[in-house]
Amino acid sequence: LLQTPIMALYYQMMLGKSYTWFNLPRIIKNLVLFPFEAVLL
């Protein structure tokens, strides 16, 4: 929730690119990693 708009702003202001194509894989990655990270923690 917090990092997505910040990343979109970063890509737009600093790189001049759209963040749309990078957003979904990053979100899926966080969902997949959650149970592994929780158990290891």
PDB file of all heavy atoms in Angstrom:
ATOM      1  N   LEU A   1       0.813  -1.223   0.000  1.00  0.00           N
ATOM      2  CA  LEU A   1       0.000   0.000   0.000  1.00  0.00           C
ATOM      3  C   LEU A   1       0.841   1.266   0.000  1.00  0.00           C
ATOM      4  O   LEU A   1       0.544   2.216  -0.726  1.00  0.00           O
ATOM      5  CB  LEU A   1      -0.944  -0.003   1.204  1.00  0.00           C
ATOM      6  CG  LEU A   1      -2.065  -1.034   1.213  1.00  0.00           C
ATOM      7  CD1 LEU A   1      -3.020  -0.770   2.369  1.00  0.00           C
ATOM      8  CD2 LEU A   1      -2.837  -1.019  -0.106  1.00  0.00           C
ATOM      9  N   LEU A   2       1.883   1.316   0.836  1.00  0.00           N
ATOM     10  CA  LEU A   2       2.695   2.533   0.932  1.00  0.00           C
ATOM     11  C   LEU A   2       3.742   2.627  -0.164  1.00  0.00           C
ATOM     12  O   LEU A   2       3.923   3.678  -0.780  1.00  0.00           O
ATOM     13  CB  LEU A   2       3.371   2.592   2.303  1.00  0.00           C
ATOM     14  CG  LEU A   2       4.310   3.791   2.545  1.00  0.00           C
ATOM     15  CD1 LEU A   2       3.553   5.106   2.407  1.00  0.00           C
ATOM     16  CD2 LEU A   2       4.969   3.689   3.916  1.00  0.00           C
ATOM     17  N   GLN A   3       4.412   1.516  -0.445  1.00  0.00           N
ATOM     18  CA  GLN A   3       5.529   1.582  -1.384  1.00  0.00           C
ATOM     19  C   GLN A   3       5.084   1.727  -2.839  1.00  0.00           C
ATOM     20  O   GLN A   3       5.806   2.310  -3.646  1.00  0.00           O
ATOM     21  CB  GLN A   3       6.407   0.342  -1.238  1.00  0.00           C
ATOM     22  CG  GLN A   3       7.747   0.494  -1.952  1.00  0.00           C
ATOM     23  CD  GLN A   3       8.718  -0.597  -1.572  1.00  0.00           C
ATOM     24  OE1 GLN A   3       8.333  -1.667  -1.124  1.00  0.00           O
ATOM     25  NE2 GLN A   3       9.999  -0.337  -1.760  1.00  0.00           N
ATOM     26  N   THR A   4       3.897   1.234  -3.180  1.00  0.00           N
ATOM     27  CA  THR A   4       3.450   1.304  -4.570  1.00  0.00           C
ATOM     28  C   THR A   4       3.382   2.742  -5.090  1.00  0.00           C
ATOM     29  O   THR A   4       3.957   3.047  -6.144  1.00  0.00           O
ATOM     30  CB  THR A   4       2.095   0.596  -4.748  1.00  0.00           C
ATOM     31  OG1 THR A   4       2.266  -0.802  -4.492  1.00  0.00           O
ATOM     32  CG2 THR A   4       1.571   0.783  -6.162  1.00  0.00           C
ATOM     33  N   PRO A   5       2.687   3.679  -4.416  1.00  0.00           N
ATOM     34  CA  PRO A   5       2.676   5.059  -4.935  1.00  0.00           C
ATOM     35  C   PRO A   5       4.048   5.721  -4.898  1.00  0.00           C
ATOM     36  O   PRO A   5       4.354   6.554  -5.761  1.00  0.00           O
ATOM     37  CB  PRO A   5       1.685   5.778  -4.011  1.00  0.00           C
ATOM     38  CG  PRO A   5       1.602   4.943  -2.782  1.00  0.00           C
ATOM     39  CD  PRO A   5       1.813   3.539  -3.229  1.00  0.00           C
ATOM     40  N   ILE A   6       4.878   5.347  -3.922  1.00  0.00           N
ATOM     41  CA  ILE A   6       6.224   5.916  -3.870  1.00  0.00           C
ATOM     42  C   ILE A   6       7.051   5.430  -5.049  1.00  0.00           C
ATOM     43  O   ILE A   6       7.777   6.210  -5.685  1.00  0.00           O
ATOM     44  CB  ILE A   6       6.909   5.554  -2.532  1.00  0.00           C
ATOM     45  CG1 ILE A   6       6.197   6.243  -1.366  1.00  0.00           C
ATOM     46  CG2 ILE A   6       8.384   5.959  -2.563  1.00  0.00           C
ATOM     47  CD1 ILE A   6       6.762   5.890  -0.003  1.00  0.00           C
ATOM     48  N   MET A   7       6.940   4.143  -5.383  1.00  0.00           N
ATOM     49  CA  MET A   7       7.660   3.601  -6.536  1.00  0.00           C
ATOM     50  C   MET A   7       7.169   4.231  -7.835  1.00  0.00           C
ATOM     51  O   MET A   7       7.965   4.548  -8.726  1.00  0.00           O
ATOM     52  CB  MET A   7       7.484   2.087  -6.599  1.00  0.00           C
ATOM     53  CG  MET A   7       8.222   1.320  -5.518  1.00  0.00           C
ATOM     54  SD  MET A   7      10.020   1.380  -5.679  1.00  0.00           S
ATOM     55  CE  MET A   7      10.261   0.355  -7.130  1.00  0.00           C
ATOM     56  N   ALA A   8       5.851   4.411  -7.939  1.00  0.00           N
ATOM     57  CA  ALA A   8       5.295   5.038  -9.147  1.00  0.00           C
ATOM     58  C   ALA A   8       5.831   6.458  -9.307  1.00  0.00           C
ATOM     59  O   ALA A   8       6.181   6.891 -10.418  1.00  0.00           O
ATOM     60  CB  ALA A   8       3.774   5.041  -9.066  1.00  0.00           C
ATOM     61  N   LEU A   9       5.900   7.187  -8.193  1.00  0.00           N
ATOM     62  CA  LEU A   9       6.433   8.552  -8.232  1.00  0.00           C
ATOM     63  C   LEU A   9       7.906   8.560  -8.586  1.00  0.00           C
ATOM     64  O   LEU A   9       8.378   9.407  -9.353  1.00  0.00           O
ATOM     65  CB  LEU A   9       6.205   9.219  -6.868  1.00  0.00           C
ATOM     66  CG  LEU A   9       6.460  10.718  -6.776  1.00  0.00           C
ATOM     67  CD1 LEU A   9       5.504  11.486  -7.692  1.00  0.00           C
ATOM     68  CD2 LEU A   9       6.292  11.192  -5.335  1.00  0.00           C
ATOM     69  N   TYR A  10       8.651   7.590  -8.066  1.00  0.00           N
ATOM     70  CA  TYR A  10      10.082   7.479  -8.349  1.00  0.00           C
ATOM     71  C   TYR A  10      10.321   7.228  -9.838  1.00  0.00           C
ATOM     72  O   TYR A  10      11.155   7.895 -10.468  1.00  0.00           O
ATOM     73  CB  TYR A  10      10.675   6.348  -7.515  1.00  0.00           C
ATOM     74  CG  TYR A  10      12.089   5.970  -7.888  1.00  0.00           C
ATOM     75  CD1 TYR A  10      13.165   6.752  -7.486  1.00  0.00           C
ATOM     76  CD2 TYR A  10      12.347   4.830  -8.650  1.00  0.00           C
ATOM     77  CE1 TYR A  10      14.460   6.403  -7.821  1.00  0.00           C
ATOM     78  CE2 TYR A  10      13.630   4.471  -8.994  1.00  0.00           C
ATOM     79  CZ  TYR A  10      14.696   5.266  -8.579  1.00  0.00           C
ATOM     80  OH  TYR A  10      15.975   4.930  -8.931  1.00  0.00           O
ATOM     81  N   TYR A  11       9.590   6.269 -10.406  1.00  0.00           N
ATOM     82  CA  TYR A  11       9.761   5.958 -11.826  1.00  0.00           C
ATOM     83  C   TYR A  11       9.392   7.155 -12.702  1.00  0.00           C
ATOM     84  O   TYR A  11      10.025   7.413 -13.729  1.00  0.00           O
ATOM     85  CB  TYR A  11       8.914   4.746 -12.204  1.00  0.00           C
ATOM     86  CG  TYR A  11       9.651   3.436 -12.061  1.00  0.00           C
ATOM     87  CD1 TYR A  11       9.935   2.915 -10.796  1.00  0.00           C
ATOM     88  CD2 TYR A  11      10.084   2.719 -13.171  1.00  0.00           C
ATOM     89  CE1 TYR A  11      10.620   1.720 -10.657  1.00  0.00           C
ATOM     90  CE2 TYR A  11      10.769   1.527 -13.032  1.00  0.00           C
ATOM     91  CZ  TYR A  11      11.039   1.029 -11.768  1.00  0.00           C
ATOM     92  OH  TYR A  11      11.726  -0.149 -11.630  1.00  0.00           O
ATOM     93  N   GLN A  12       8.370   7.877 -12.292  1.00  0.00           N
ATOM     94  CA  GLN A  12       7.920   9.019 -13.091  1.00  0.00           C
ATOM     95  C   GLN A  12       8.889  10.195 -12.996  1.00  0.00           C
ATOM     96  O   GLN A  12       9.265  10.795 -14.018  1.00  0.00           O
ATOM     97  CB  GLN A  12       6.533   9.455 -12.636  1.00  0.00           C
ATOM     98  CG  GLN A  12       5.979  10.632 -13.423  1.00  0.00           C
ATOM     99  CD  GLN A  12       4.603  11.070 -12.920  1.00  0.00           C
ATOM    100  OE1 GLN A  12       4.066  10.484 -11.992  1.00  0.00           O
ATOM    101  NE2 GLN A  12       4.060  12.092 -13.522  1.00  0.00           N
ATOM    102  N   MET A  13       9.308  10.542 -11.774  1.00  0.00           N
ATOM    103  CA  MET A  13      10.123  11.736 -11.568  1.00  0.00           C
ATOM    104  C   MET A  13      11.603  11.501 -11.865  1.00  0.00           C
ATOM    105  O   MET A  13      12.263  12.370 -12.440  1.00  0.00           O
ATOM    106  CB  MET A  13       9.962  12.221 -10.123  1.00  0.00           C
ATOM    107  CG  MET A  13       8.573  12.727  -9.787  1.00  0.00           C
ATOM    108  SD  MET A  13       8.469  13.332  -8.075  1.00  0.00           S
ATOM    109  CE  MET A  13       9.676  14.671  -8.112  1.00  0.00           C
ATOM    110  N   MET A  14      12.132  10.333 -11.478  1.00  0.00           N
ATOM    111  CA  MET A  14      13.565  10.103 -11.575  1.00  0.00           C
ATOM    112  C   MET A  14      13.977   9.373 -12.854  1.00  0.00           C
ATOM    113  O   MET A  14      15.078   9.584 -13.360  1.00  0.00           O
ATOM    114  CB  MET A  14      14.043   9.295 -10.359  1.00  0.00           C
ATOM    115  CG  MET A  14      13.652   9.902  -9.014  1.00  0.00           C
ATOM    116  SD  MET A  14      14.346  11.570  -8.752  1.00  0.00           S
ATOM    117  CE  MET A  14      16.079  11.180  -8.593  1.00  0.00           C
ATOM    118  N   LEU A  15      13.101   8.496 -13.369  1.00  0.00           N
ATOM    119  CA  LEU A  15      13.459   7.693 -14.532  1.00  0.00           C
ATOM    120  C   LEU A  15      12.636   8.023 -15.770  1.00  0.00           C
ATOM    121  O   LEU A  15      12.971   7.568 -16.865  1.00  0.00           O
ATOM    122  CB  LEU A  15      13.308   6.194 -14.209  1.00  0.00           C
ATOM    123  CG  LEU A  15      14.092   5.681 -12.999  1.00  0.00           C
ATOM    124  CD1 LEU A  15      13.833   4.200 -12.789  1.00  0.00           C
ATOM    125  CD2 LEU A  15      15.585   5.945 -13.162  1.00  0.00           C
ATOM    126  N   GLY A  16      11.560   8.768 -15.586  1.00  0.00           N
ATOM    127  CA  GLY A  16      10.712   9.115 -16.712  1.00  0.00           C
ATOM    128  C   GLY A  16      10.008   7.922 -17.323  1.00  0.00           C
ATOM    129  O   GLY A  16       9.768   7.876 -18.532  1.00  0.00           O
ATOM    130  N   LYS A  17       9.670   6.919 -16.496  1.00  0.00           N
ATOM    131  CA  LYS A  17       9.015   5.709 -16.978  1.00  0.00           C
ATOM    132  C   LYS A  17       7.725   5.460 -16.210  1.00  0.00           C
ATOM    133  O   LYS A  17       7.509   6.018 -15.142  1.00  0.00           O
ATOM    134  CB  LYS A  17       9.940   4.490 -16.822  1.00  0.00           C
ATOM    135  CG  LYS A  17      11.254   4.581 -17.583  1.00  0.00           C
ATOM    136  CD  LYS A  17      12.094   3.344 -17.316  1.00  0.00           C
ATOM    137  CE  LYS A  17      13.433   3.408 -18.043  1.00  0.00           C
ATOM    138  NZ  LYS A  17      14.273   2.201 -17.767  1.00  0.00           N
ATOM    139  N   SER A  18       6.909   4.582 -16.766  1.00  0.00           N
ATOM    140  CA  SER A  18       5.696   4.147 -16.074  1.00  0.00           C
ATOM    141  C   SER A  18       6.023   2.939 -15.204  1.00  0.00           C
ATOM    142  O   SER A  18       6.778   2.048 -15.609  1.00  0.00           O
ATOM    143  CB  SER A  18       4.603   3.782 -17.070  1.00  0.00           C
ATOM    144  OG  SER A  18       3.499   3.197 -16.409  1.00  0.00           O
ATOM    145  N   TYR A  19       5.426   2.884 -14.035  1.00  0.00           N
ATOM    146  CA  TYR A  19       5.697   1.790 -13.096  1.00  0.00           C
ATOM    147  C   TYR A  19       4.687   0.647 -13.223  1.00  0.00           C
ATOM    148  O   TYR A  19       4.800  -0.368 -12.563  1.00  0.00           O
ATOM    149  CB  TYR A  19       5.684   2.335 -11.661  1.00  0.00           C
ATOM    150  CG  TYR A  19       6.022   1.317 -10.608  1.00  0.00           C
ATOM    151  CD1 TYR A  19       7.263   0.689 -10.597  1.00  0.00           C
ATOM    152  CD2 TYR A  19       5.099   0.983  -9.622  1.00  0.00           C
ATOM    153  CE1 TYR A  19       7.586  -0.250  -9.629  1.00  0.00           C
ATOM    154  CE2 TYR A  19       5.412   0.044  -8.649  1.00  0.00           C
ATOM    155  CZ  TYR A  19       6.652  -0.559  -8.662  1.00  0.00           C
ATOM    156  OH  TYR A  19       6.956  -1.489  -7.703  1.00  0.00           O
ATOM    157  N   THR A  20       3.718   0.772 -14.111  1.00  0.00           N
ATOM    158  CA  THR A  20       2.616  -0.180 -14.207  1.00  0.00           C
ATOM    159  C   THR A  20       3.102  -1.603 -14.409  1.00  0.00           C
ATOM    160  O   THR A  20       2.632  -2.534 -13.754  1.00  0.00           O
ATOM    161  CB  THR A  20       1.675   0.211 -15.358  1.00  0.00           C
ATOM    162  OG1 THR A  20       1.223   1.550 -15.148  1.00  0.00           O
ATOM    163  CG2 THR A  20       0.483  -0.727 -15.404  1.00  0.00           C
ATOM    164  N   TRP A  21       4.070  -1.810 -15.283  1.00  0.00           N
ATOM    165  CA  TRP A  21       4.515  -3.164 -15.630  1.00  0.00           C
ATOM    166  C   TRP A  21       5.311  -3.816 -14.502  1.00  0.00           C
ATOM    167  O   TRP A  21       5.443  -5.035 -14.456  1.00  0.00           O
ATOM    168  CB  TRP A  21       5.358  -3.129 -16.904  1.00  0.00           C
ATOM    169  CG  TRP A  21       4.561  -2.724 -18.100  1.00  0.00           C
ATOM    170  CD1 TRP A  21       4.573  -1.517 -18.729  1.00  0.00           C
ATOM    171  CD2 TRP A  21       3.607  -3.520 -18.807  1.00  0.00           C
ATOM    172  NE1 TRP A  21       3.691  -1.501 -19.773  1.00  0.00           N
ATOM    173  CE2 TRP A  21       3.084  -2.721 -19.863  1.00  0.00           C
ATOM    174  CE3 TRP A  21       3.140  -4.823 -18.661  1.00  0.00           C
ATOM    175  CZ2 TRP A  21       2.128  -3.182 -20.742  1.00  0.00           C
ATOM    176  CZ3 TRP A  21       2.183  -5.287 -19.547  1.00  0.00           C
ATOM    177  CH2 TRP A  21       1.687  -4.477 -20.576  1.00  0.00           C
ATOM    178  N   PHE A  22       5.851  -3.008 -13.595  1.00  0.00           N
ATOM    179  CA  PHE A  22       6.672  -3.555 -12.516  1.00  0.00           C
ATOM    180  C   PHE A  22       5.865  -3.789 -11.245  1.00  0.00           C
ATOM    181  O   PHE A  22       6.319  -4.476 -10.335  1.00  0.00           O
ATOM    182  CB  PHE A  22       7.831  -2.590 -12.202  1.00  0.00           C
ATOM    183  CG  PHE A  22       8.729  -2.329 -13.376  1.00  0.00           C
ATOM    184  CD1 PHE A  22       8.491  -1.252 -14.224  1.00  0.00           C
ATOM    185  CD2 PHE A  22       9.817  -3.152 -13.627  1.00  0.00           C
ATOM    186  CE1 PHE A  22       9.325  -0.999 -15.294  1.00  0.00           C
ATOM    187  CE2 PHE A  22      10.647  -2.911 -14.700  1.00  0.00           C
ATOM    188  CZ  PHE A  22      10.397  -1.831 -15.543  1.00  0.00           C
ATOM    189  N   ASN A  23       4.674  -3.210 -11.171  1.00  0.00           N
ATOM    190  CA  ASN A  23       3.905  -3.222  -9.930  1.00  0.00           C
ATOM    191  C   ASN A  23       3.381  -4.612  -9.564  1.00  0.00           C
ATOM    192  O   ASN A  23       3.587  -5.090  -8.449  1.00  0.00           O
ATOM    193  CB  ASN A  23       2.739  -2.242 -10.042  1.00  0.00           C
ATOM    194  CG  ASN A  23       2.050  -2.016  -8.720  1.00  0.00           C
ATOM    195  OD1 ASN A  23       2.658  -2.164  -7.661  1.00  0.00           O
ATOM    196  ND2 ASN A  23       0.787  -1.658  -8.763  1.00  0.00           N
ATOM    197  N   LEU A  24       2.715  -5.276 -10.500  1.00  0.00           N
ATOM    198  CA  LEU A  24       2.083  -6.563 -10.202  1.00  0.00           C
ATOM    199  C   LEU A  24       3.099  -7.631  -9.798  1.00  0.00           C
ATOM    200  O   LEU A  24       2.879  -8.334  -8.797  1.00  0.00           O
ATOM    201  CB  LEU A  24       1.262  -7.028 -11.397  1.00  0.00           C
ATOM    202  CG  LEU A  24       0.439  -8.306 -11.183  1.00  0.00           C
ATOM    203  CD1 LEU A  24      -0.516  -8.130 -10.017  1.00  0.00           C
ATOM    204  CD2 LEU A  24      -0.323  -8.665 -12.452  1.00  0.00           C
ATOM    205  N   PRO A  25       4.226  -7.807 -10.499  1.00  0.00           N
ATOM    206  CA  PRO A  25       5.203  -8.815 -10.053  1.00  0.00           C
ATOM    207  C   PRO A  25       5.723  -8.541  -8.644  1.00  0.00           C
ATOM    208  O   PRO A  25       5.931  -9.482  -7.866  1.00  0.00           O
ATOM    209  CB  PRO A  25       6.325  -8.702 -11.090  1.00  0.00           C
ATOM    210  CG  PRO A  25       5.655  -8.157 -12.305  1.00  0.00           C
ATOM    211  CD  PRO A  25       4.614  -7.214 -11.798  1.00  0.00           C
ATOM    212  N   ARG A  26       5.932  -7.284  -8.295  1.00  0.00           N
ATOM    213  CA  ARG A  26       6.423  -6.960  -6.952  1.00  0.00           C
ATOM    214  C   ARG A  26       5.384  -7.312  -5.897  1.00  0.00           C
ATOM    215  O   ARG A  26       5.707  -7.836  -4.820  1.00  0.00           O
ATOM    216  CB  ARG A  26       6.760  -5.462  -6.871  1.00  0.00           C
ATOM    217  CG  ARG A  26       7.377  -5.048  -5.542  1.00  0.00           C
ATOM    218  CD  ARG A  26       7.607  -3.555  -5.518  1.00  0.00           C
ATOM    219  NE  ARG A  26       6.358  -2.829  -5.634  1.00  0.00           N
ATOM    220  CZ  ARG A  26       5.544  -2.581  -4.605  1.00  0.00           C
ATOM    221  NH1 ARG A  26       5.849  -3.020  -3.411  1.00  0.00           N
ATOM    222  NH2 ARG A  26       4.438  -1.897  -4.786  1.00  0.00           N
ATOM    223  N   ILE A  27       4.109  -7.051  -6.195  1.00  0.00           N
ATOM    224  CA  ILE A  27       3.039  -7.375  -5.249  1.00  0.00           C
ATOM    225  C   ILE A  27       2.914  -8.885  -5.071  1.00  0.00           C
ATOM    226  O   ILE A  27       2.780  -9.388  -3.950  1.00  0.00           O
ATOM    227  CB  ILE A  27       1.704  -6.761  -5.730  1.00  0.00           C
ATOM    228  CG1 ILE A  27       1.760  -5.243  -5.572  1.00  0.00           C
ATOM    229  CG2 ILE A  27       0.530  -7.340  -4.958  1.00  0.00           C
ATOM    230  CD1 ILE A  27       0.528  -4.529  -6.088  1.00  0.00           C
ATOM    231  N   ILE A  28       2.966  -9.618  -6.171  1.00  0.00           N
ATOM    232  CA  ILE A  28       2.891 -11.081  -6.096  1.00  0.00           C
ATOM    233  C   ILE A  28       4.070 -11.624  -5.291  1.00  0.00           C
ATOM    234  O   ILE A  28       3.925 -12.554  -4.484  1.00  0.00           O
ATOM    235  CB  ILE A  28       2.864 -11.691  -7.510  1.00  0.00           C
ATOM    236  CG1 ILE A  28       1.558 -11.302  -8.219  1.00  0.00           C
ATOM    237  CG2 ILE A  28       3.015 -13.204  -7.453  1.00  0.00           C
ATOM    238  CD1 ILE A  28       1.490 -11.746  -9.657  1.00  0.00           C
ATOM    239  N   LYS A  29       5.234 -11.041  -5.483  1.00  0.00           N
ATOM    240  CA  LYS A  29       6.423 -11.462  -4.746  1.00  0.00           C
ATOM    241  C   LYS A  29       6.216 -11.303  -3.249  1.00  0.00           C
ATOM    242  O   LYS A  29       6.563 -12.191  -2.456  1.00  0.00           O
ATOM    243  CB  LYS A  29       7.631 -10.651  -5.215  1.00  0.00           C
ATOM    244  CG  LYS A  29       8.926 -10.999  -4.500  1.00  0.00           C
ATOM    245  CD  LYS A  29      10.071 -10.160  -5.030  1.00  0.00           C
ATOM    246  CE  LYS A  29      11.362 -10.459  -4.276  1.00  0.00           C
ATOM    247  NZ  LYS A  29      12.495  -9.643  -4.795  1.00  0.00           N
ATOM    248  N   ASN A  30       5.622 -10.192  -2.823  1.00  0.00           N
ATOM    249  CA  ASN A  30       5.373  -9.966  -1.401  1.00  0.00           C
ATOM    250  C   ASN A  30       4.367 -10.965  -0.850  1.00  0.00           C
ATOM    251  O   ASN A  30       4.501 -11.430   0.283  1.00  0.00           O
ATOM    252  CB  ASN A  30       4.859  -8.534  -1.178  1.00  0.00           C
ATOM    253  CG  ASN A  30       5.989  -7.536  -1.003  1.00  0.00           C
ATOM    254  OD1 ASN A  30       6.584  -7.429   0.054  1.00  0.00           O
ATOM    255  ND2 ASN A  30       6.290  -6.810  -2.067  1.00  0.00           N
ATOM    256  N   LEU A  31       3.363 -11.302  -1.639  1.00  0.00           N
ATOM    257  CA  LEU A  31       2.366 -12.279  -1.197  1.00  0.00           C
ATOM    258  C   LEU A  31       2.981 -13.664  -1.040  1.00  0.00           C
ATOM    259  O   LEU A  31       2.698 -14.382  -0.069  1.00  0.00           O
ATOM    260  CB  LEU A  31       1.206 -12.332  -2.193  1.00  0.00           C
ATOM    261  CG  LEU A  31       0.308 -11.098  -2.270  1.00  0.00           C
ATOM    262  CD1 LEU A  31      -0.726 -11.281  -3.371  1.00  0.00           C
ATOM    263  CD2 LEU A  31      -0.380 -10.857  -0.942  1.00  0.00           C
ATOM    264  N   VAL A  32       3.831 -14.048  -1.985  1.00  0.00           N
ATOM    265  CA  VAL A  32       4.446 -15.373  -1.940  1.00  0.00           C
ATOM    266  C   VAL A  32       5.436 -15.478  -0.782  1.00  0.00           C
ATOM    267  O   VAL A  32       5.519 -16.508  -0.094  1.00  0.00           O
ATOM    268  CB  VAL A  32       5.141 -15.681  -3.277  1.00  0.00           C
ATOM    269  CG1 VAL A  32       5.949 -16.975  -3.181  1.00  0.00           C
ATOM    270  CG2 VAL A  32       4.121 -15.779  -4.402  1.00  0.00           C
ATOM    271  N   LEU A  33       6.189 -14.410  -0.538  1.00  0.00           N
ATOM    272  CA  LEU A  33       7.217 -14.441   0.494  1.00  0.00           C
ATOM    273  C   LEU A  33       6.650 -14.356   1.903  1.00  0.00           C
ATOM    274  O   LEU A  33       7.307 -14.799   2.860  1.00  0.00           O
ATOM    275  CB  LEU A  33       8.207 -13.292   0.276  1.00  0.00           C
ATOM    276  CG  LEU A  33       9.208 -13.439  -0.867  1.00  0.00           C
ATOM    277  CD1 LEU A  33      10.090 -12.210  -0.959  1.00  0.00           C
ATOM    278  CD2 LEU A  33      10.062 -14.676  -0.672  1.00  0.00           C
ATOM    279  N   PHE A  34       5.458 -13.802   2.057  1.00  0.00           N
ATOM    280  CA  PHE A  34       4.914 -13.560   3.392  1.00  0.00           C
ATOM    281  C   PHE A  34       4.963 -14.775   4.316  1.00  0.00           C
ATOM    282  O   PHE A  34       5.510 -14.689   5.429  1.00  0.00           O
ATOM    283  CB  PHE A  34       3.492 -12.998   3.299  1.00  0.00           C
ATOM    284  CG  PHE A  34       2.719 -13.120   4.574  1.00  0.00           C
ATOM    285  CD1 PHE A  34       3.110 -12.424   5.710  1.00  0.00           C
ATOM    286  CD2 PHE A  34       1.597 -13.932   4.652  1.00  0.00           C
ATOM    287  CE1 PHE A  34       2.406 -12.548   6.904  1.00  0.00           C
ATOM    288  CE2 PHE A  34       0.886 -14.061   5.826  1.00  0.00           C
ATOM    289  CZ  PHE A  34       1.294 -13.365   6.957  1.00  0.00           C
ATOM    290  N   PRO A  35       4.422 -15.934   3.942  1.00  0.00           N
ATOM    291  CA  PRO A  35       4.455 -17.066   4.890  1.00  0.00           C
ATOM    292  C   PRO A  35       5.867 -17.537   5.210  1.00  0.00           C
ATOM    293  O   PRO A  35       6.151 -17.922   6.349  1.00  0.00           O
ATOM    294  CB  PRO A  35       3.648 -18.157   4.165  1.00  0.00           C
ATOM    295  CG  PRO A  35       3.627 -17.760   2.738  1.00  0.00           C
ATOM    296  CD  PRO A  35       3.687 -16.279   2.708  1.00  0.00           C
ATOM    297  N   PHE A  36       6.773 -17.509   4.223  1.00  0.00           N
ATOM    298  CA  PHE A  36       8.153 -17.909   4.483  1.00  0.00           C
ATOM    299  C   PHE A  36       8.825 -16.945   5.461  1.00  0.00           C
ATOM    300  O   PHE A  36       9.501 -17.366   6.409  1.00  0.00           O
ATOM    301  CB  PHE A  36       8.954 -17.954   3.173  1.00  0.00           C
ATOM    302  CG  PHE A  36       8.479 -18.989   2.191  1.00  0.00           C
ATOM    303  CD1 PHE A  36       7.658 -18.632   1.131  1.00  0.00           C
ATOM    304  CD2 PHE A  36       8.841 -20.316   2.344  1.00  0.00           C
ATOM    305  CE1 PHE A  36       7.215 -19.578   0.226  1.00  0.00           C
ATOM    306  CE2 PHE A  36       8.405 -21.280   1.443  1.00  0.00           C
ATOM    307  CZ  PHE A  36       7.586 -20.911   0.378  1.00  0.00           C
ATOM    308  N   GLU A  37       8.641 -15.655   5.236  1.00  0.00           N
ATOM    309  CA  GLU A  37       9.237 -14.654   6.114  1.00  0.00           C
ATOM    310  C   GLU A  37       8.677 -14.754   7.522  1.00  0.00           C
ATOM    311  O   GLU A  37       9.420 -14.633   8.506  1.00  0.00           O
ATOM    312  CB  GLU A  37       8.991 -13.256   5.540  1.00  0.00           C
ATOM    313  CG  GLU A  37       9.761 -12.978   4.270  1.00  0.00           C
ATOM    314  CD  GLU A  37       9.395 -11.648   3.654  1.00  0.00           C
ATOM    315  OE1 GLU A  37       8.269 -11.162   3.890  1.00  0.00           O
ATOM    316  OE2 GLU A  37      10.233 -11.081   2.926  1.00  0.00           O
ATOM    317  N   ALA A  38       7.371 -14.977   7.639  1.00  0.00           N
ATOM    318  CA  ALA A  38       6.739 -15.073   8.952  1.00  0.00           C
ATOM    319  C   ALA A  38       7.283 -16.266   9.737  1.00  0.00           C
ATOM    320  O   ALA A  38       7.618 -16.142  10.924  1.00  0.00           O
ATOM    321  CB  ALA A  38       5.226 -15.172   8.801  1.00  0.00           C
ATOM    322  N   VAL A  39       7.384 -17.414   9.098  1.00  0.00           N
ATOM    323  CA  VAL A  39       7.879 -18.623   9.777  1.00  0.00           C
ATOM    324  C   VAL A  39       9.340 -18.449  10.188  1.00  0.00           C
ATOM    325  O   VAL A  39       9.725 -18.775  11.324  1.00  0.00           O
ATOM    326  CB  VAL A  39       7.720 -19.858   8.869  1.00  0.00           C
ATOM    327  CG1 VAL A  39       8.454 -21.061   9.452  1.00  0.00           C
ATOM    328  CG2 VAL A  39       6.244 -20.180   8.681  1.00  0.00           C
ATOM    329  N   LEU A  40      10.170 -17.926   9.296  1.00  0.00           N
ATOM    330  CA  LEU A  40      11.578 -17.729   9.626  1.00  0.00           C
ATOM    331  C   LEU A  40      11.748 -16.706  10.747  1.00  0.00           C
ATOM    332  O   LEU A  40      12.631 -16.856  11.605  1.00  0.00           O
ATOM    333  CB  LEU A  40      12.356 -17.275   8.387  1.00  0.00           C
ATOM    334  CG  LEU A  40      12.594 -18.342   7.324  1.00  0.00           C
ATOM    335  CD1 LEU A  40      13.296 -17.746   6.110  1.00  0.00           C
ATOM    336  CD2 LEU A  40      13.427 -19.490   7.890  1.00  0.00           C
ATOM    337  N   LEU A  41      10.904 -15.687  10.761  1.00  0.00           N
ATOM    338  CA  LEU A  41      10.983 -14.689  11.825  1.00  0.00           C
ATOM    339  C   LEU A  41      10.598 -15.292  13.175  1.00  0.00           C
ATOM    340  O   LEU A  41      11.211 -14.986  14.203  1.00  0.00           O
ATOM    341  CB  LEU A  41      10.078 -13.506  11.491  1.00  0.00           C
ATOM    342  CG  LEU A  41      10.162 -12.294  12.430  1.00  0.00           C
ATOM    343  CD1 LEU A  41      11.594 -11.779  12.504  1.00  0.00           C
ATOM    344  CD2 LEU A  41       9.227 -11.190  11.955  1.00  0.00           C
TER     345      LEU A  41
END
